[in-house]
Each structure stands twice: as structure tokens, then as C-alpha cells.
Protein backbone atom coordinates (compact mmCIF):
# COMPACT_ATOMS: atom_id res chain seq x y z
CA MET A 1 3.05 10.89 12.20
CA LEU A 2 3.92 7.67 14.05
CA GLU A 3 5.17 6.12 10.81
CA ASN A 4 7.59 9.06 10.40
CA LEU A 5 8.91 8.57 13.94
CA VAL A 6 9.46 4.84 13.30
CA ALA A 7 11.22 5.56 10.00
CA SER A 8 13.43 8.23 11.62
CA TYR A 9 14.28 5.92 14.49
CA TYR A 10 15.26 3.17 12.08
CA VAL A 11 17.53 5.49 10.09
CA LEU A 12 19.27 6.77 13.23
CA ASP A 13 19.62 3.30 14.76
CA THR A 14 21.14 1.96 11.54
CA GLU A 15 23.57 4.88 11.37
CA ILE A 16 24.61 4.39 14.99
CA LYS A 17 25.27 0.68 14.45
CA GLY A 18 27.34 1.41 11.35
CA LEU A 19 29.30 4.19 13.02
CA THR A 20 29.96 2.02 16.08
CA LYS A 21 31.46 -0.66 13.83
CA GLU A 22 33.81 1.98 12.45
CA LYS A 23 34.50 3.69 15.79
CA ASN A 24 35.46 0.66 17.89
CA PRO A 25 38.43 -0.47 15.76
CA LEU A 26 39.66 3.14 15.56
CA ASN A 27 39.44 3.41 19.34
CA ALA A 28 41.49 0.22 19.78
CA ARG A 29 44.11 1.32 17.21
CA ILE A 30 44.49 4.79 18.73
CA LYS A 31 44.96 3.31 22.21
CA LYS A 32 47.47 0.78 20.90
CA GLU A 33 49.52 3.38 19.02
CA MET A 34 49.47 5.81 21.94
CA ARG A 35 50.55 3.03 24.33
CA GLU A 36 53.33 1.89 21.99
CA GLY A 37 54.45 5.50 21.48
CA ASN A 38 54.27 6.13 25.23
CA MET A 39 52.01 9.14 24.58
CA GLU A 40 49.44 10.42 27.06
CA THR A 41 48.02 13.16 24.82
CA VAL A 42 47.66 13.72 21.09
CA VAL A 43 46.39 17.00 19.61
CA THR A 44 45.38 17.24 15.94
CA ASP A 45 45.86 20.24 13.67
CA THR A 46 42.19 21.08 14.20
CA GLY A 47 42.54 21.06 17.99
CA VAL A 48 40.95 17.68 18.68
CA THR A 49 42.59 16.16 21.77
CA ALA A 50 42.96 12.49 22.63
CA LYS A 51 44.09 11.56 26.13
CA LEU A 52 45.03 8.05 27.16
CA GLY A 53 44.65 7.26 30.82
CA THR A 54 43.73 4.52 33.21
CA GLN A 55 40.61 4.43 35.36
CA GLU A 56 40.17 2.13 38.32
CA ARG A 57 36.87 0.29 38.34
CA VAL A 58 36.07 -1.63 41.49
CA SER A 59 33.48 -4.32 41.97
CA LEU A 60 32.90 -6.58 44.93
CA ASN A 61 33.67 -10.28 44.59
CA SER A 62 30.90 -11.75 46.75
CA GLU A 63 32.47 -15.21 46.93
CA LYS A 64 35.79 -13.85 48.22
CA LEU A 65 34.01 -11.54 50.66
CA LEU A 66 31.96 -14.44 51.99
CA SER A 67 35.07 -16.59 52.37
CA THR A 68 36.94 -13.78 54.16
CA LEU A 69 34.04 -13.13 56.53
CA GLN A 70 33.79 -16.85 57.31
CA GLN A 71 37.54 -17.08 58.01
CA MET A 72 37.24 -14.08 60.33
CA GLU A 73 34.23 -15.75 62.00
CA LEU A 74 32.08 -12.69 61.36
CA THR A 75 28.89 -14.71 60.95
CA GLN A 76 26.71 -11.73 61.87
CA ALA A 77 27.72 -10.22 58.53
CA ILE A 78 26.54 -13.29 56.58
CA LYS A 79 22.93 -13.98 55.62
CA THR A 80 21.67 -17.52 55.56
CA ILE A 81 19.16 -17.75 52.77
CA GLN A 82 17.17 -20.87 52.04
CA THR A 83 16.75 -21.38 48.33
CA PRO A 84 14.99 -24.11 46.41
CA ASN A 85 17.16 -26.69 44.71
CA GLN A 86 15.77 -26.34 41.20
CA LYS A 87 17.55 -29.45 39.94
CA VAL A 88 15.87 -31.57 42.62
CA VAL A 89 12.48 -29.96 41.90
CA GLU A 90 12.90 -30.66 38.17
CA ASP A 91 13.91 -34.25 38.87
CA MET A 92 10.89 -34.72 41.18
CA ILE A 93 8.56 -33.40 38.47
CA TYR A 94 10.22 -35.62 35.86
CA ASN A 95 9.93 -38.68 38.12
CA GLY A 96 6.26 -37.97 38.88
CA GLU A 97 6.92 -37.26 42.56
CA LEU A 98 5.68 -33.66 42.26
CA ASP A 99 2.78 -32.30 40.23
CA PRO A 100 3.96 -29.17 38.37
CA ASN A 101 0.42 -27.72 38.51
CA VAL A 102 0.82 -27.35 42.28
CA LEU A 103 3.75 -24.98 41.62
CA GLU A 104 1.89 -22.80 39.09
CA SER A 105 1.29 -20.12 41.73
CA CYS A 106 5.06 -19.93 42.32
CA LEU A 107 5.70 -18.72 38.79
CA GLU A 108 6.07 -15.00 38.26
CA LYS A 109 5.37 -13.72 34.80
CA LYS A 110 6.61 -10.32 33.74
CA TYR A 111 5.63 -8.63 30.51
CA VAL A 112 8.16 -6.25 29.04
CA GLU A 113 7.39 -3.78 26.30
CA VAL A 114 9.82 -4.27 23.43
CA LEU A 115 10.30 -2.15 20.33
CA THR A 116 11.87 -3.87 17.31
CA ILE A 117 12.38 -1.95 14.10
CA LYS A 118 13.77 -3.52 10.93
CA GLY A 119 14.30 -2.15 7.47
CA ALA A 120 11.85 -2.68 4.66
CA LYS A 121 12.50 -5.64 2.37
């Protein structure tokens, strides 16, 4: 039973990857041709509709926000976080000034379950 699930997954995953390689260039070409033709909508004979539009996606630029808050002297909106200087720590270990075994408890290990499926050879 499990072998069938793995085999089915592999077939679907392979199909998706192949279809994505075909789909992405078509997507780019359709957008380009619609842009060049100044078309917002295209409807095929079978009723399939393609609409070209623009969506605004906003993300916060933390560096600019920090700079703006500093210029406005809004220090209450800025956290001061002490962080280790990893380059200095590495140099101290390399130069024998710091025993890396002392830092063993500072390491966090995380185990992540990973599924890898490849085709038969």
C-alpha cells in the first residue's frame, strides 16, 4: 500500500514539474503579447478568459523604517537588541582564546522530516 502511494506521488510530482516548465514560458508570452497589444482581456472560442492586471504587493523595508524612526527621534519605537558578533567568536575560537566545547549548549539542533522521491534507475 505504501509503495503504491510513493509511486503515485512520484508520478504526480514528475508531471507537475514537467507541466510547470511548459506553463511558465506560456504565462510570460501571454503577458507580453497582451501588454504589447494593450489588451486587458482575451476570451478564447471555448470561453476560456485571460485577464491581465496589476496587483500591488507591499512589504516593509526594515532598514528604511529604522532610519526614518531614528530621524524622527522616535526611539521608543526602536528595539535595542544585543547580538553576538559571530565573526569575533569564530576568530576567538580559531585563535585559541575560546574553547568551542564551552559553547556546545548554545547550539540548537532541529530535526526536520524530509521526503525525497526519485525515479527508478
